[in-house]
Amino acid sequence: MDIGTLWYLIERDKLHRVVTAEEFEQLEPDTFTLHQVFDNRREALHEMIRLVQTAVDEVSQQVDEKTNARPHSK
């Protein structure tokens, strides 16, 4: 595995990002959370999409639960 070709899936400022090894090395410590390291960009992006979709599904479910619990008003 060549470190120069690795891709990093991080969370920074409440956003998921895929960055290169060069970009990763320039990040300030304690300003991000490292989720996973990948051999290629495609796999990293696929995992990022999965994480974002999971978060969207969870929020959508919470909204649905709150909406269904309230009486309808006009």
PDB file of N, CA and C in Angstrom:
ATOM      1  N   MET A   1       0.848  -1.170   0.000  1.00  0.00           N
ATOM      2  CA  MET A   1       0.000   0.000   0.000  1.00  0.00           C
ATOM      3  C   MET A   1       0.898   1.239   0.000  1.00  0.00           C
ATOM      4  N   ASP A   2       0.744   2.082  -0.977  1.00  0.00           N
ATOM      5  CA  ASP A   2       1.520   3.309  -1.097  1.00  0.00           C
ATOM      6  C   ASP A   2       0.788   4.429  -0.374  1.00  0.00           C
ATOM      7  N   ILE A   3       1.428   5.012   0.622  1.00  0.00           N
ATOM      8  CA  ILE A   3       0.783   6.044   1.441  1.00  0.00           C
ATOM      9  C   ILE A   3       0.376   7.244   0.591  1.00  0.00           C
ATOM     10  N   GLY A   4       1.118   7.545  -0.461  1.00  0.00           N
ATOM     11  CA  GLY A   4       0.800   8.680  -1.311  1.00  0.00           C
ATOM     12  C   GLY A   4      -0.497   8.533  -2.076  1.00  0.00           C
ATOM     13  N   THR A   5      -1.007   7.304  -2.195  1.00  0.00           N
ATOM     14  CA  THR A   5      -2.238   7.092  -2.955  1.00  0.00           C
ATOM     15  C   THR A   5      -3.436   6.802  -2.060  1.00  0.00           C
ATOM     16  N   LEU A   6      -3.276   6.940  -0.764  1.00  0.00           N
ATOM     17  CA  LEU A   6      -4.375   6.667   0.153  1.00  0.00           C
ATOM     18  C   LEU A   6      -5.373   7.817   0.156  1.00  0.00           C
ATOM     19  N   TRP A   7      -6.619   7.472   0.460  1.00  0.00           N
ATOM     20  CA  TRP A   7      -7.704   8.444   0.581  1.00  0.00           C
ATOM     21  C   TRP A   7      -8.286   8.322   1.979  1.00  0.00           C
ATOM     22  N   TYR A   8      -8.562   9.459   2.583  1.00  0.00           N
ATOM     23  CA  TYR A   8      -9.024   9.507   3.965  1.00  0.00           C
ATOM     24  C   TYR A   8     -10.451  10.037   4.017  1.00  0.00           C
ATOM     25  N   LEU A   9     -11.303   9.315   4.722  1.00  0.00           N
ATOM     26  CA  LEU A   9     -12.671   9.766   4.961  1.00  0.00           C
ATOM     27  C   LEU A   9     -12.689  10.380   6.351  1.00  0.00           C
ATOM     28  N   ILE A  10     -12.941  11.687   6.396  1.00  0.00           N
ATOM     29  CA  ILE A  10     -12.925  12.412   7.662  1.00  0.00           C
ATOM     30  C   ILE A  10     -14.249  13.140   7.861  1.00  0.00           C
ATOM     31  N   GLU A  11     -14.464  13.563   9.092  1.00  0.00           N
ATOM     32  CA  GLU A  11     -15.583  14.447   9.412  1.00  0.00           C
ATOM     33  C   GLU A  11     -14.990  15.706  10.022  1.00  0.00           C
ATOM     34  N   ARG A  12     -15.338  16.837   9.424  1.00  0.00           N
ATOM     35  CA  ARG A  12     -14.815  18.120   9.897  1.00  0.00           C
ATOM     36  C   ARG A  12     -15.922  19.161   9.775  1.00  0.00           C
ATOM     37  N   ASP A  13     -16.129  19.916  10.822  1.00  0.00           N
ATOM     38  CA  ASP A  13     -17.188  20.932  10.847  1.00  0.00           C
ATOM     39  C   ASP A  13     -18.545  20.324  10.502  1.00  0.00           C
ATOM     40  N   LYS A  14     -18.800  19.143  11.021  1.00  0.00           N
ATOM     41  CA  LYS A  14     -20.060  18.409  10.833  1.00  0.00           C
ATOM     42  C   LYS A  14     -20.316  17.997   9.376  1.00  0.00           C
ATOM     43  N   LEU A  15     -19.265  17.948   8.569  1.00  0.00           N
ATOM     44  CA  LEU A  15     -19.374  17.502   7.180  1.00  0.00           C
ATOM     45  C   LEU A  15     -18.403  16.364   6.922  1.00  0.00           C
ATOM     46  N   HIS A  16     -18.850  15.387   6.167  1.00  0.00           N
ATOM     47  CA  HIS A  16     -17.966  14.303   5.746  1.00  0.00           C
ATOM     48  C   HIS A  16     -17.192  14.752   4.518  1.00  0.00           C
ATOM     49  N   ARG A  17     -15.909  14.392   4.470  1.00  0.00           N
ATOM     50  CA  ARG A  17     -15.055  14.768   3.352  1.00  0.00           C
ATOM     51  C   ARG A  17     -14.106  13.632   3.026  1.00  0.00           C
ATOM     52  N   VAL A  18     -13.753  13.535   1.761  1.00  0.00           N
ATOM     53  CA  VAL A  18     -12.726  12.594   1.312  1.00  0.00           C
ATOM     54  C   VAL A  18     -11.531  13.440   0.898  1.00  0.00           C
ATOM     55  N   VAL A  19     -10.374  13.172   1.499  1.00  0.00           N
ATOM     56  CA  VAL A  19      -9.181  13.961   1.211  1.00  0.00           C
ATOM     57  C   VAL A  19      -8.008  13.053   0.852  1.00  0.00           C
ATOM     58  N   THR A  20      -7.068  13.626   0.127  1.00  0.00           N
ATOM     59  CA  THR A  20      -5.858  12.892  -0.243  1.00  0.00           C
ATOM     60  C   THR A  20      -4.912  12.825   0.950  1.00  0.00           C
ATOM     61  N   ALA A  21      -3.876  12.006   0.820  1.00  0.00           N
ATOM     62  CA  ALA A  21      -2.879  11.898   1.877  1.00  0.00           C
ATOM     63  C   ALA A  21      -2.197  13.244   2.100  1.00  0.00           C
ATOM     64  N   GLU A  22      -1.942  13.965   1.029  1.00  0.00           N
ATOM     65  CA  GLU A  22      -1.300  15.278   1.138  1.00  0.00           C
ATOM     66  C   GLU A  22      -2.181  16.257   1.909  1.00  0.00           C
ATOM     67  N   GLU A  23      -3.468  16.274   1.599  1.00  0.00           N
ATOM     68  CA  GLU A  23      -4.399  17.154   2.313  1.00  0.00           C
ATOM     69  C   GLU A  23      -4.523  16.730   3.771  1.00  0.00           C
ATOM     70  N   PHE A  24      -4.544  15.432   4.003  1.00  0.00           N
ATOM     71  CA  PHE A  24      -4.685  14.900   5.356  1.00  0.00           C
ATOM     72  C   PHE A  24      -3.517  15.340   6.240  1.00  0.00           C
ATOM     73  N   GLU A  25      -2.319  15.302   5.687  1.00  0.00           N
ATOM     74  CA  GLU A  25      -1.126  15.678   6.447  1.00  0.00           C
ATOM     75  C   GLU A  25      -1.130  17.153   6.835  1.00  0.00           C
ATOM     76  N   GLN A  26      -1.851  17.987   6.090  1.00  0.00           N
ATOM     77  CA  GLN A  26      -1.892  19.417   6.367  1.00  0.00           C
ATOM     78  C   GLN A  26      -2.968  19.803   7.384  1.00  0.00           C
ATOM     79  N   LEU A  27      -3.829  18.870   7.750  1.00  0.00           N
ATOM     80  CA  LEU A  27      -4.903  19.153   8.704  1.00  0.00           C
ATOM     81  C   LEU A  27      -4.331  19.345  10.107  1.00  0.00           C
ATOM     82  N   GLU A  28      -4.921  20.269  10.825  1.00  0.00           N
ATOM     83  CA  GLU A  28      -4.530  20.498  12.217  1.00  0.00           C
ATOM     84  C   GLU A  28      -5.102  19.374  13.085  1.00  0.00           C
ATOM     85  N   PRO A  29      -4.307  18.841  13.994  1.00  0.00           N
ATOM     86  CA  PRO A  29      -4.828  17.815  14.909  1.00  0.00           C
ATOM     87  C   PRO A  29      -6.027  18.353  15.690  1.00  0.00           C
ATOM     88  N   ASP A  30      -6.926  17.477  16.040  1.00  0.00           N
ATOM     89  CA  ASP A  30      -8.117  17.804  16.834  1.00  0.00           C
ATOM     90  C   ASP A  30      -9.110  18.703  16.099  1.00  0.00           C
ATOM     91  N   THR A  31      -8.991  18.835  14.777  1.00  0.00           N
ATOM     92  CA  THR A  31      -9.960  19.618  14.013  1.00  0.00           C
ATOM     93  C   THR A  31     -10.833  18.720  13.138  1.00  0.00           C
ATOM     94  N   PHE A  32     -10.645  17.417  13.258  1.00  0.00           N
ATOM     95  CA  PHE A  32     -11.387  16.471  12.430  1.00  0.00           C
ATOM     96  C   PHE A  32     -11.456  15.118  13.122  1.00  0.00           C
ATOM     97  N   THR A  33     -12.354  14.264  12.624  1.00  0.00           N
ATOM     98  CA  THR A  33     -12.439  12.881  13.076  1.00  0.00           C
ATOM     99  C   THR A  33     -12.154  11.997  11.872  1.00  0.00           C
ATOM    100  N   LEU A  34     -11.207  11.087  12.010  1.00  0.00           N
ATOM    101  CA  LEU A  34     -10.883  10.152  10.940  1.00  0.00           C
ATOM    102  C   LEU A  34     -11.818   8.963  11.034  1.00  0.00           C
ATOM    103  N   HIS A  35     -12.547   8.695   9.940  1.00  0.00           N
ATOM    104  CA  HIS A  35     -13.448   7.550   9.920  1.00  0.00           C
ATOM    105  C   HIS A  35     -12.764   6.299   9.366  1.00  0.00           C
ATOM    106  N   GLN A  36     -12.075   6.462   8.234  1.00  0.00           N
ATOM    107  CA  GLN A  36     -11.493   5.285   7.603  1.00  0.00           C
ATOM    108  C   GLN A  36     -10.493   5.712   6.540  1.00  0.00           C
ATOM    109  N   VAL A  37      -9.565   4.798   6.210  1.00  0.00           N
ATOM    110  CA  VAL A  37      -8.569   5.030   5.175  1.00  0.00           C
ATOM    111  C   VAL A  37      -8.818   4.021   4.048  1.00  0.00           C
ATOM    112  N   PHE A  38      -8.751   4.506   2.809  1.00  0.00           N
ATOM    113  CA  PHE A  38      -9.058   3.668   1.646  1.00  0.00           C
ATOM    114  C   PHE A  38      -7.912   3.671   0.648  1.00  0.00           C
ATOM    115  N   ASP A  39      -7.847   2.604  -0.138  1.00  0.00           N
ATOM    116  CA  ASP A  39      -6.830   2.486  -1.179  1.00  0.00           C
ATOM    117  C   ASP A  39      -7.165   3.305  -2.410  1.00  0.00           C
ATOM    118  N   ASN A  40      -8.448   3.588  -2.613  1.00  0.00           N
ATOM    119  CA  ASN A  40      -8.813   4.382  -3.790  1.00  0.00           C
ATOM    120  C   ASN A  40      -9.967   5.321  -3.466  1.00  0.00           C
ATOM    121  N   ARG A  41     -10.090   6.332  -4.301  1.00  0.00           N
ATOM    122  CA  ARG A  41     -11.078   7.390  -4.085  1.00  0.00           C
ATOM    123  C   ARG A  41     -12.503   6.867  -4.209  1.00  0.00           C
ATOM    124  N   ARG A  42     -12.720   5.958  -5.142  1.00  0.00           N
ATOM    125  CA  ARG A  42     -14.071   5.434  -5.372  1.00  0.00           C
ATOM    126  C   ARG A  42     -14.646   4.791  -4.119  1.00  0.00           C
ATOM    127  N   GLU A  43     -13.849   3.953  -3.459  1.00  0.00           N
ATOM    128  CA  GLU A  43     -14.312   3.294  -2.231  1.00  0.00           C
ATOM    129  C   GLU A  43     -14.582   4.316  -1.129  1.00  0.00           C
ATOM    130  N   ALA A  44     -13.721   5.319  -1.029  1.00  0.00           N
ATOM    131  CA  ALA A  44     -13.901   6.352  -0.006  1.00  0.00           C
ATOM    132  C   ALA A  44     -15.187   7.132  -0.250  1.00  0.00           C
ATOM    133  N   LEU A  45     -15.441   7.496  -1.498  1.00  0.00           N
ATOM    134  CA  LEU A  45     -16.664   8.230  -1.821  1.00  0.00           C
ATOM    135  C   LEU A  45     -17.907   7.383  -1.590  1.00  0.00           C
ATOM    136  N   HIS A  46     -17.807   6.101  -1.913  1.00  0.00           N
ATOM    137  CA  HIS A  46     -18.944   5.201  -1.703  1.00  0.00           C
ATOM    138  C   HIS A  46     -19.304   5.130  -0.221  1.00  0.00           C
ATOM    139  N   GLU A  47     -18.306   5.026   0.625  1.00  0.00           N
ATOM    140  CA  GLU A  47     -18.556   4.973   2.068  1.00  0.00           C
ATOM    141  C   GLU A  47     -19.090   6.314   2.579  1.00  0.00           C
ATOM    142  N   MET A  48     -18.584   7.422   2.059  1.00  0.00           N
ATOM    143  CA  MET A  48     -19.084   8.723   2.463  1.00  0.00           C
ATOM    144  C   MET A  48     -20.564   8.855   2.105  1.00  0.00           C
ATOM    145  N   ILE A  49     -20.928   8.441   0.914  1.00  0.00           N
ATOM    146  CA  ILE A  49     -22.329   8.490   0.490  1.00  0.00           C
ATOM    147  C   ILE A  49     -23.195   7.637   1.405  1.00  0.00           C
ATOM    148  N   ARG A  50     -22.698   6.458   1.770  1.00  0.00           N
ATOM    149  CA  ARG A  50     -23.453   5.575   2.661  1.00  0.00           C
ATOM    150  C   ARG A  50     -23.669   6.243   4.025  1.00  0.00           C
ATOM    151  N   LEU A  51     -22.635   6.875   4.571  1.00  0.00           N
ATOM    152  CA  LEU A  51     -22.763   7.541   5.871  1.00  0.00           C
ATOM    153  C   LEU A  51     -23.750   8.705   5.811  1.00  0.00           C
ATOM    154  N   VAL A  52     -23.676   9.490   4.754  1.00  0.00           N
ATOM    155  CA  VAL A  52     -24.595  10.620   4.611  1.00  0.00           C
ATOM    156  C   VAL A  52     -26.028  10.125   4.454  1.00  0.00           C
ATOM    157  N   GLN A  53     -26.236   9.080   3.653  1.00  0.00           N
ATOM    158  CA  GLN A  53     -27.578   8.539   3.453  1.00  0.00           C
ATOM    159  C   GLN A  53     -28.149   7.986   4.759  1.00  0.00           C
ATOM    160  N   THR A  54     -27.312   7.341   5.544  1.00  0.00           N
ATOM    161  CA  THR A  54     -27.744   6.830   6.845  1.00  0.00           C
ATOM    162  C   THR A  54     -28.188   7.980   7.746  1.00  0.00           C
ATOM    163  N   ALA A  55     -27.425   9.057   7.769  1.00  0.00           N
ATOM    164  CA  ALA A  55     -27.789  10.216   8.590  1.00  0.00           C
ATOM    165  C   ALA A  55     -29.105  10.837   8.114  1.00  0.00           C
ATOM    166  N   VAL A  56     -29.279  10.941   6.809  1.00  0.00           N
ATOM    167  CA  VAL A  56     -30.521  11.493   6.250  1.00  0.00           C
ATOM    168  C   VAL A  56     -31.705  10.607   6.630  1.00  0.00           C
ATOM    169  N   ASP A  57     -31.542   9.305   6.520  1.00  0.00           N
ATOM    170  CA  ASP A  57     -32.614   8.371   6.872  1.00  0.00           C
ATOM    171  C   ASP A  57     -33.002   8.492   8.343  1.00  0.00           C
ATOM    172  N   GLU A  58     -32.002   8.644   9.213  1.00  0.00           N
ATOM    173  CA  GLU A  58     -32.278   8.771  10.640  1.00  0.00           C
ATOM    174  C   GLU A  58     -33.055  10.053  10.945  1.00  0.00           C
ATOM    175  N   VAL A  59     -32.655  11.155  10.354  1.00  0.00           N
ATOM    176  CA  VAL A  59     -33.354  12.426  10.575  1.00  0.00           C
ATOM    177  C   VAL A  59     -34.759  12.354   9.994  1.00  0.00           C
ATOM    178  N   SER A  60     -34.895  11.767   8.830  1.00  0.00           N
ATOM    179  CA  SER A  60     -36.205  11.629   8.199  1.00  0.00           C
ATOM    180  C   SER A  60     -37.148  10.822   9.083  1.00  0.00           C
ATOM    181  N   GLN A  61     -36.629   9.766   9.669  1.00  0.00           N
ATOM    182  CA  GLN A  61     -37.440   8.939  10.560  1.00  0.00           C
ATOM    183  C   GLN A  61     -37.855   9.734  11.797  1.00  0.00           C
ATOM    184  N   GLN A  62     -36.947  10.521  12.344  1.00  0.00           N
ATOM    185  CA  GLN A  62     -37.277  11.343  13.509  1.00  0.00           C
ATOM    186  C   GLN A  62     -38.355  12.367  13.173  1.00  0.00           C
ATOM    187  N   VAL A  63     -38.248  12.981  12.013  1.00  0.00           N
ATOM    188  CA  VAL A  63     -39.247  13.965  11.584  1.00  0.00           C
ATOM    189  C   VAL A  63     -40.598  13.287  11.411  1.00  0.00           C
ATOM    190  N   ASP A  64     -40.604  12.120  10.769  1.00  0.00           N
ATOM    191  CA  ASP A  64     -41.856  11.382  10.581  1.00  0.00           C
ATOM    192  C   ASP A  64     -42.505  11.036  11.913  1.00  0.00           C
ATOM    193  N   GLU A  65     -41.698  10.603  12.881  1.00  0.00           N
ATOM    194  CA  GLU A  65     -42.240  10.252  14.192  1.00  0.00           C
ATOM    195  C   GLU A  65     -42.860  11.467  14.875  1.00  0.00           C
ATOM    196  N   LYS A  66     -42.213  12.605  14.802  1.00  0.00           N
ATOM    197  CA  LYS A  66     -42.737  13.820  15.428  1.00  0.00           C
ATOM    198  C   LYS A  66     -43.962  14.330  14.691  1.00  0.00           C
ATOM    199  N   THR A  67     -43.946  14.239  13.380  1.00  0.00           N
ATOM    200  CA  THR A  67     -45.083  14.695  12.588  1.00  0.00           C
ATOM    201  C   THR A  67     -46.314  13.843  12.839  1.00  0.00           C
ATOM    202  N   ASN A  68     -46.143  12.551  12.935  1.00  0.00           N
ATOM    203  CA  ASN A  68     -47.270  11.638  13.173  1.00  0.00           C
ATOM    204  C   ASN A  68     -47.777  11.727  14.604  1.00  0.00           C
ATOM    205  N   ALA A  69     -46.956  12.179  15.524  1.00  0.00           N
ATOM    206  CA  ALA A  69     -47.370  12.259  16.929  1.00  0.00           C
ATOM    207  C   ALA A  69     -48.200  13.520  17.193  1.00  0.00           C
ATOM    208  N   ARG A  70     -48.064  14.535  16.352  1.00  0.00           N
ATOM    209  CA  ARG A  70     -48.800  15.793  16.549  1.00  0.00           C
ATOM    210  C   ARG A  70     -50.159  15.732  15.876  1.00  0.00           C
ATOM    211  N   PRO A  71     -51.161  16.333  16.504  1.00  0.00           N
ATOM    212  CA  PRO A  71     -52.459  16.426  15.825  1.00  0.00           C
ATOM    213  C   PRO A  71     -52.349  17.384  14.640  1.00  0.00           C
ATOM    214  N   HIS A  72     -53.114  17.105  13.626  1.00  0.00           N
ATOM    215  CA  HIS A  72     -53.104  17.951  12.434  1.00  0.00           C
ATOM    216  C   HIS A  72     -53.782  19.270  12.754  1.00  0.00           C
ATOM    217  N   SER A  73     -53.203  20.339  12.248  1.00  0.00           N
ATOM    218  CA  SER A  73     -53.817  21.654  12.459  1.00  0.00           C
ATOM    219  C   SER A  73     -53.886  22.398  11.131  1.00  0.00           C
ATOM    220  N   LYS A  74     -54.881  23.260  11.021  1.00  0.00           N
ATOM    221  CA  LYS A  74     -55.048  24.070   9.816  1.00  0.00           C
ATOM    222  C   LYS A  74     -55.241  25.500  10.166  1.00  0.00           C
TER     223      LYS A  74
END
